[in-house]
Amino acid sequence: MVISLAGEWDIYRREELRARLKPALSESDVVLDLTSAKYITSTLICALVLAHKERLSKALPPIRLAVTSAFVRRLCTATGLDGLFPIASSVDEALGSGRISA
């Protein structure tokens, strides 16, 4: 399953984000497409960490992230998300591997 999140993700889109990520809590194979995300805040970061914890409790593998924005990639590194989630440079790359190096 691929979930695409384009544009800006901040507190004002919190409810939409929750709804968009809900399927990721139970699907076995999930790629989060952030290739069109230009701006993210702690709202998205917290949602990803919560999703990660939920998936761990169900023994599901980590969500794989597809990231092209230098800003988004820097935030993933600065917040430690790159240690929780495999990060790829494209959706195709993320889909092609169960574990992607950052």
C-alpha atoms as a PDB file:
ATOM      1  CA  MET A   1       0.000   0.000   0.000  1.00  0.00           C
ATOM      2  CA  VAL A   2       1.251   3.474  -0.887  1.00  0.00           C
ATOM      3  CA  ILE A   3      -0.037   6.505   1.010  1.00  0.00           C
ATOM      4  CA  SER A   4       0.832   9.827  -0.624  1.00  0.00           C
ATOM      5  CA  LEU A   5       1.159  13.020   1.387  1.00  0.00           C
ATOM      6  CA  ALA A   6       1.776  16.045  -0.824  1.00  0.00           C
ATOM      7  CA  GLY A   7       2.182  19.671   0.145  1.00  0.00           C
ATOM      8  CA  GLU A   8       2.444  21.020   3.671  1.00  0.00           C
ATOM      9  CA  TRP A   9       1.660  18.944   6.765  1.00  0.00           C
ATOM     10  CA  ASP A  10       1.169  20.936   9.928  1.00  0.00           C
ATOM     11  CA  ILE A  11      -1.289  21.174  12.814  1.00  0.00           C
ATOM     12  CA  TYR A  12      -4.036  22.504  10.543  1.00  0.00           C
ATOM     13  CA  ARG A  13      -4.107  19.196   8.645  1.00  0.00           C
ATOM     14  CA  ARG A  14      -3.905  16.982  11.734  1.00  0.00           C
ATOM     15  CA  GLU A  15      -7.305  15.324  11.314  1.00  0.00           C
ATOM     16  CA  GLU A  16      -6.726  14.697   7.623  1.00  0.00           C
ATOM     17  CA  LEU A  17      -3.337  13.204   8.468  1.00  0.00           C
ATOM     18  CA  ARG A  18      -4.861  10.829  11.029  1.00  0.00           C
ATOM     19  CA  ALA A  19      -7.421   9.654   8.502  1.00  0.00           C
ATOM     20  CA  ARG A  20      -4.804   9.193   5.774  1.00  0.00           C
ATOM     21  CA  LEU A  21      -2.491   7.187   8.058  1.00  0.00           C
ATOM     22  CA  LYS A  22      -5.202   4.976   9.578  1.00  0.00           C
ATOM     23  CA  PRO A  23      -4.812   2.174   6.976  1.00  0.00           C
ATOM     24  CA  ALA A  24      -1.071   2.078   7.726  1.00  0.00           C
ATOM     25  CA  LEU A  25      -1.845   0.814  11.223  1.00  0.00           C
ATOM     26  CA  SER A  26      -2.989  -2.575   9.955  1.00  0.00           C
ATOM     27  CA  GLU A  27      -1.603  -3.129   6.445  1.00  0.00           C
ATOM     28  CA  SER A  28       1.476  -5.333   6.337  1.00  0.00           C
ATOM     29  CA  ASP A  29       3.432  -3.470   3.648  1.00  0.00           C
ATOM     30  CA  VAL A  30       3.253   0.334   3.642  1.00  0.00           C
ATOM     31  CA  VAL A  31       5.182   3.024   1.792  1.00  0.00           C
ATOM     32  CA  LEU A  32       4.562   6.624   2.785  1.00  0.00           C
ATOM     33  CA  ASP A  33       5.124   8.761  -0.285  1.00  0.00           C
ATOM     34  CA  LEU A  34       6.539  12.089   0.876  1.00  0.00           C
ATOM     35  CA  THR A  35       8.124  12.891  -2.500  1.00  0.00           C
ATOM     36  CA  SER A  36       5.691  15.784  -2.969  1.00  0.00           C
ATOM     37  CA  ALA A  37       5.751  16.934   0.656  1.00  0.00           C
ATOM     38  CA  LYS A  38       7.412  20.329   0.841  1.00  0.00           C
ATOM     39  CA  TYR A  39       6.967  21.183   4.500  1.00  0.00           C
ATOM     40  CA  ILE A  40       6.361  19.022   7.565  1.00  0.00           C
ATOM     41  CA  THR A  41       6.153  19.826  11.247  1.00  0.00           C
ATOM     42  CA  SER A  42       6.092  17.926  14.508  1.00  0.00           C
ATOM     43  CA  THR A  43       2.486  17.018  13.686  1.00  0.00           C
ATOM     44  CA  LEU A  44       3.625  14.595  10.999  1.00  0.00           C
ATOM     45  CA  ILE A  45       6.657  13.467  12.974  1.00  0.00           C
ATOM     46  CA  CYS A  46       4.504  12.600  16.005  1.00  0.00           C
ATOM     47  CA  ALA A  47       1.950  10.821  13.819  1.00  0.00           C
ATOM     48  CA  LEU A  48       4.719   8.697  12.302  1.00  0.00           C
ATOM     49  CA  VAL A  49       6.152   7.777  15.703  1.00  0.00           C
ATOM     50  CA  LEU A  50       2.695   6.809  16.982  1.00  0.00           C
ATOM     51  CA  ALA A  51       2.068   4.740  13.844  1.00  0.00           C
ATOM     52  CA  HIS A  52       5.444   3.068  14.321  1.00  0.00           C
ATOM     53  CA  LYS A  53       4.584   2.111  17.922  1.00  0.00           C
ATOM     54  CA  GLU A  54       1.196   0.752  16.855  1.00  0.00           C
ATOM     55  CA  ARG A  55       2.774  -1.309  14.089  1.00  0.00           C
ATOM     56  CA  LEU A  56       5.393  -2.679  16.500  1.00  0.00           C
ATOM     57  CA  SER A  57       2.648  -3.801  18.874  1.00  0.00           C
ATOM     58  CA  LYS A  58       1.127  -5.765  15.973  1.00  0.00           C
ATOM     59  CA  ALA A  59       4.507  -7.173  14.853  1.00  0.00           C
ATOM     60  CA  LEU A  60       4.245  -5.329  11.526  1.00  0.00           C
ATOM     61  CA  PRO A  61       7.357  -4.142   9.686  1.00  0.00           C
ATOM     62  CA  PRO A  62       8.226  -0.432   9.671  1.00  0.00           C
ATOM     63  CA  ILE A  63       6.605   1.924   7.226  1.00  0.00           C
ATOM     64  CA  ARG A  64       9.035   2.781   4.434  1.00  0.00           C
ATOM     65  CA  LEU A  65       9.365   6.471   3.550  1.00  0.00           C
ATOM     66  CA  ALA A  66       9.982   7.887   0.080  1.00  0.00           C
ATOM     67  CA  VAL A  67      11.530  11.355   0.431  1.00  0.00           C
ATOM     68  CA  THR A  68      12.985  13.728  -2.175  1.00  0.00           C
ATOM     69  CA  SER A  69      12.875  17.094  -0.397  1.00  0.00           C
ATOM     70  CA  ALA A  70      16.165  18.080   1.235  1.00  0.00           C
ATOM     71  CA  PHE A  71      14.170  19.854   3.977  1.00  0.00           C
ATOM     72  CA  VAL A  72      12.092  16.771   4.778  1.00  0.00           C
ATOM     73  CA  ARG A  73      15.153  14.501   4.677  1.00  0.00           C
ATOM     74  CA  ARG A  74      17.030  16.823   7.085  1.00  0.00           C
ATOM     75  CA  LEU A  75      14.108  16.710   9.513  1.00  0.00           C
ATOM     76  CA  CYS A  76      14.013  12.918   9.297  1.00  0.00           C
ATOM     77  CA  THR A  77      17.687  12.843  10.203  1.00  0.00           C
ATOM     78  CA  ALA A  78      17.504  15.544  12.898  1.00  0.00           C
ATOM     79  CA  THR A  79      14.552  13.884  14.646  1.00  0.00           C
ATOM     80  CA  GLY A  80      15.846  10.329  14.391  1.00  0.00           C
ATOM     81  CA  LEU A  81      13.105   9.136  12.058  1.00  0.00           C
ATOM     82  CA  ASP A  82      15.807   7.725   9.804  1.00  0.00           C
ATOM     83  CA  GLY A  83      16.558   5.277  12.609  1.00  0.00           C
ATOM     84  CA  LEU A  84      12.944   4.076  12.808  1.00  0.00           C
ATOM     85  CA  PHE A  85      11.971   4.075   9.145  1.00  0.00           C
ATOM     86  CA  PRO A  86      13.789   2.913   6.032  1.00  0.00           C
ATOM     87  CA  ILE A  87      14.086   5.968   3.752  1.00  0.00           C
ATOM     88  CA  ALA A  88      14.246   5.794  -0.030  1.00  0.00           C
ATOM     89  CA  SER A  89      14.657   8.461  -2.693  1.00  0.00           C
ATOM     90  CA  SER A  90      11.573   7.355  -4.640  1.00  0.00           C
ATOM     91  CA  VAL A  91       8.418   5.306  -4.281  1.00  0.00           C
ATOM     92  CA  ASP A  92       9.786   2.762  -6.754  1.00  0.00           C
ATOM     93  CA  GLU A  93      12.916   2.333  -4.640  1.00  0.00           C
ATOM     94  CA  ALA A  94      10.824   1.985  -1.471  1.00  0.00           C
ATOM     95  CA  LEU A  95       8.578  -0.600  -3.092  1.00  0.00           C
ATOM     96  CA  GLY A  96      11.556  -2.552  -4.367  1.00  0.00           C
ATOM     97  CA  SER A  97      13.081  -3.358  -1.011  1.00  0.00           C
ATOM     98  CA  GLY A  98      11.940  -4.402   2.424  1.00  0.00           C
ATOM     99  CA  ARG A  99      14.839  -2.517   4.018  1.00  0.00           C
ATOM    100  CA  ILE A 100      16.322   0.587   2.443  1.00  0.00           C
ATOM    101  CA  SER A 101      19.431   2.298   3.697  1.00  0.00           C
ATOM    102  CA  ALA A 102      19.189   5.993   4.456  1.00  0.00           C
END
